[in-house]
């Protein structure tokens, strides 16, 4: 059974930093694209960042230059380093897997698109009060 478990969420002051983690277990392949998404109340799910098996990345425009996606050497833990956090970063953050392209993301020319990802975690809440 494939499981993705996010952790590291919480409350952070504007301008502060937070590091999210996502632990993957049970996935039968060792090459897959992984992404971070977020959804704020009343808004659509938004692609934050994605990383392929070779470490190539893409980011959403609103987080580029502030957030960094990475994964550990075993490729079973995904991270999102969030720096210079803003109130509009407040959302539930989800990690996800797209394993259809032998470790490559569908495209790195744009932020991740949720319709290409089919294994999801339950999310971790990030709150940056005004």
Protein backbone atom coordinates (compact mmCIF):
# COMPACT_ATOMS: atom_id res chain seq x y z
CA UNK A 1 0.00 0.00 0.00
CA UNK A 2 1.43 3.34 -1.06
CA UNK A 3 1.54 5.90 1.72
CA UNK A 4 2.70 9.50 1.75
CA UNK A 5 2.95 11.23 5.11
CA UNK A 6 3.56 14.95 5.37
CA UNK A 7 5.00 16.61 8.48
CA UNK A 8 6.56 19.87 9.60
CA UNK A 9 3.61 22.20 9.25
CA UNK A 10 2.71 24.78 11.84
CA UNK A 11 2.49 28.47 12.49
CA UNK A 12 5.29 30.71 11.27
CA UNK A 13 5.77 34.45 11.44
CA UNK A 14 5.87 36.49 8.29
CA UNK A 15 9.40 36.42 7.00
CA UNK A 16 10.20 33.22 8.86
CA UNK A 17 11.10 29.75 7.65
CA UNK A 18 9.58 26.31 7.82
CA UNK A 19 10.63 22.92 6.44
CA UNK A 20 8.06 20.40 5.34
CA UNK A 21 8.81 16.71 4.91
CA UNK A 22 7.01 13.93 3.10
CA UNK A 23 7.84 10.29 3.79
CA UNK A 24 7.03 7.75 1.07
CA UNK A 25 6.45 4.07 1.73
CA UNK A 26 5.15 1.15 -0.26
CA UNK A 27 5.73 2.58 -3.72
CA UNK A 28 6.87 -0.27 -5.98
CA UNK A 29 9.17 1.75 -8.23
CA UNK A 30 12.35 3.66 -7.37
CA UNK A 31 12.01 6.35 -10.02
CA UNK A 32 9.20 8.89 -9.82
CA UNK A 33 8.39 12.56 -9.98
CA UNK A 34 7.27 14.18 -6.74
CA UNK A 35 5.46 17.42 -6.12
CA UNK A 36 4.17 19.78 -3.47
CA UNK A 37 0.76 21.35 -3.77
CA UNK A 38 -1.25 23.63 -1.53
CA UNK A 39 -4.86 24.61 -1.08
CA UNK A 40 -6.15 27.57 0.88
CA UNK A 41 -9.77 27.78 2.04
CA UNK A 42 -12.05 28.75 -0.82
CA UNK A 43 -9.29 28.44 -3.41
CA UNK A 44 -8.29 25.83 -5.95
CA UNK A 45 -5.36 23.51 -5.38
CA UNK A 46 -2.13 25.15 -6.56
CA UNK A 47 1.08 23.52 -7.75
CA UNK A 48 4.00 24.69 -5.60
CA UNK A 49 7.03 22.74 -6.80
CA UNK A 50 8.07 19.44 -8.34
CA UNK A 51 11.27 17.45 -8.67
CA UNK A 52 12.18 14.57 -10.95
CA UNK A 53 14.41 11.62 -10.24
CA UNK A 54 17.48 13.46 -11.53
CA UNK A 55 16.84 16.47 -9.30
CA UNK A 56 15.45 18.82 -11.95
CA UNK A 57 12.81 21.15 -10.54
CA UNK A 58 10.12 23.63 -11.37
CA UNK A 59 8.22 26.08 -9.15
CA UNK A 60 5.07 28.10 -9.05
CA UNK A 61 5.59 31.80 -9.72
CA UNK A 62 4.46 32.88 -6.26
CA UNK A 63 7.07 30.75 -4.46
CA UNK A 64 10.01 30.85 -6.86
CA UNK A 65 13.07 32.21 -5.12
CA UNK A 66 11.59 31.62 -1.66
CA UNK A 67 10.86 27.87 -1.55
CA UNK A 68 13.22 25.00 -2.35
CA UNK A 69 12.16 21.44 -3.13
CA UNK A 70 14.57 18.57 -2.56
CA UNK A 71 14.63 14.86 -1.83
CA UNK A 72 17.02 12.67 0.12
CA UNK A 73 19.48 10.24 -1.46
CA UNK A 74 17.12 7.29 -1.02
CA UNK A 75 14.41 9.25 -2.87
CA UNK A 76 11.91 8.26 -0.16
CA UNK A 77 11.72 11.59 1.62
CA UNK A 78 10.69 14.82 -0.03
CA UNK A 79 11.32 18.24 1.48
CA UNK A 80 10.05 21.76 0.98
CA UNK A 81 12.18 24.49 2.51
CA UNK A 82 9.98 27.55 2.90
CA UNK A 83 11.83 30.84 3.44
CA UNK A 84 10.54 34.39 3.69
CA UNK A 85 7.07 33.03 4.33
CA UNK A 86 4.17 35.39 3.64
CA UNK A 87 0.56 35.38 4.89
CA UNK A 88 -0.64 34.27 1.45
CA UNK A 89 1.39 31.07 1.89
CA UNK A 90 -1.19 29.96 4.46
CA UNK A 91 -2.70 26.71 3.19
CA UNK A 92 -2.84 22.96 3.56
CA UNK A 93 0.25 21.53 1.89
CA UNK A 94 0.19 18.13 0.16
CA UNK A 95 2.87 15.95 -1.36
CA UNK A 96 2.16 13.71 -4.31
CA UNK A 97 3.72 11.20 -6.72
CA UNK A 98 3.55 10.93 -10.47
CA UNK A 99 5.24 7.67 -11.44
CA UNK A 100 4.15 7.36 -15.06
CA UNK A 101 7.24 8.69 -16.83
CA UNK A 102 10.08 6.57 -15.39
CA UNK A 103 11.12 9.24 -12.92
CA UNK A 104 10.55 12.29 -15.11
CA UNK A 105 7.87 14.86 -14.47
CA UNK A 106 5.32 15.42 -17.20
CA UNK A 107 6.85 18.80 -17.88
CA UNK A 108 9.22 21.10 -16.02
CA UNK A 109 8.24 24.07 -18.19
CA UNK A 110 5.46 24.96 -15.77
CA UNK A 111 4.50 24.38 -12.14
CA UNK A 112 3.19 20.91 -11.27
CA UNK A 113 -0.31 20.13 -12.41
CA UNK A 114 -2.34 18.06 -9.97
CA UNK A 115 -4.07 16.08 -12.71
CA UNK A 116 -0.80 14.24 -13.43
CA UNK A 117 -0.25 13.12 -9.83
CA UNK A 118 -2.19 10.18 -8.48
CA UNK A 119 -0.79 9.28 -5.05
CA UNK A 120 -1.38 11.87 -2.38
CA UNK A 121 -0.72 12.47 1.28
CA UNK A 122 -3.30 13.88 3.67
CA UNK A 123 -1.62 17.23 4.07
CA UNK A 124 0.01 19.40 6.70
CA UNK A 125 -1.25 22.86 7.63
CA UNK A 126 0.94 25.93 7.33
CA UNK A 127 -0.28 29.17 8.85
CA UNK A 128 1.43 32.53 8.51
CA UNK A 129 -0.72 35.10 10.31
CA UNK A 130 -0.91 38.69 9.12
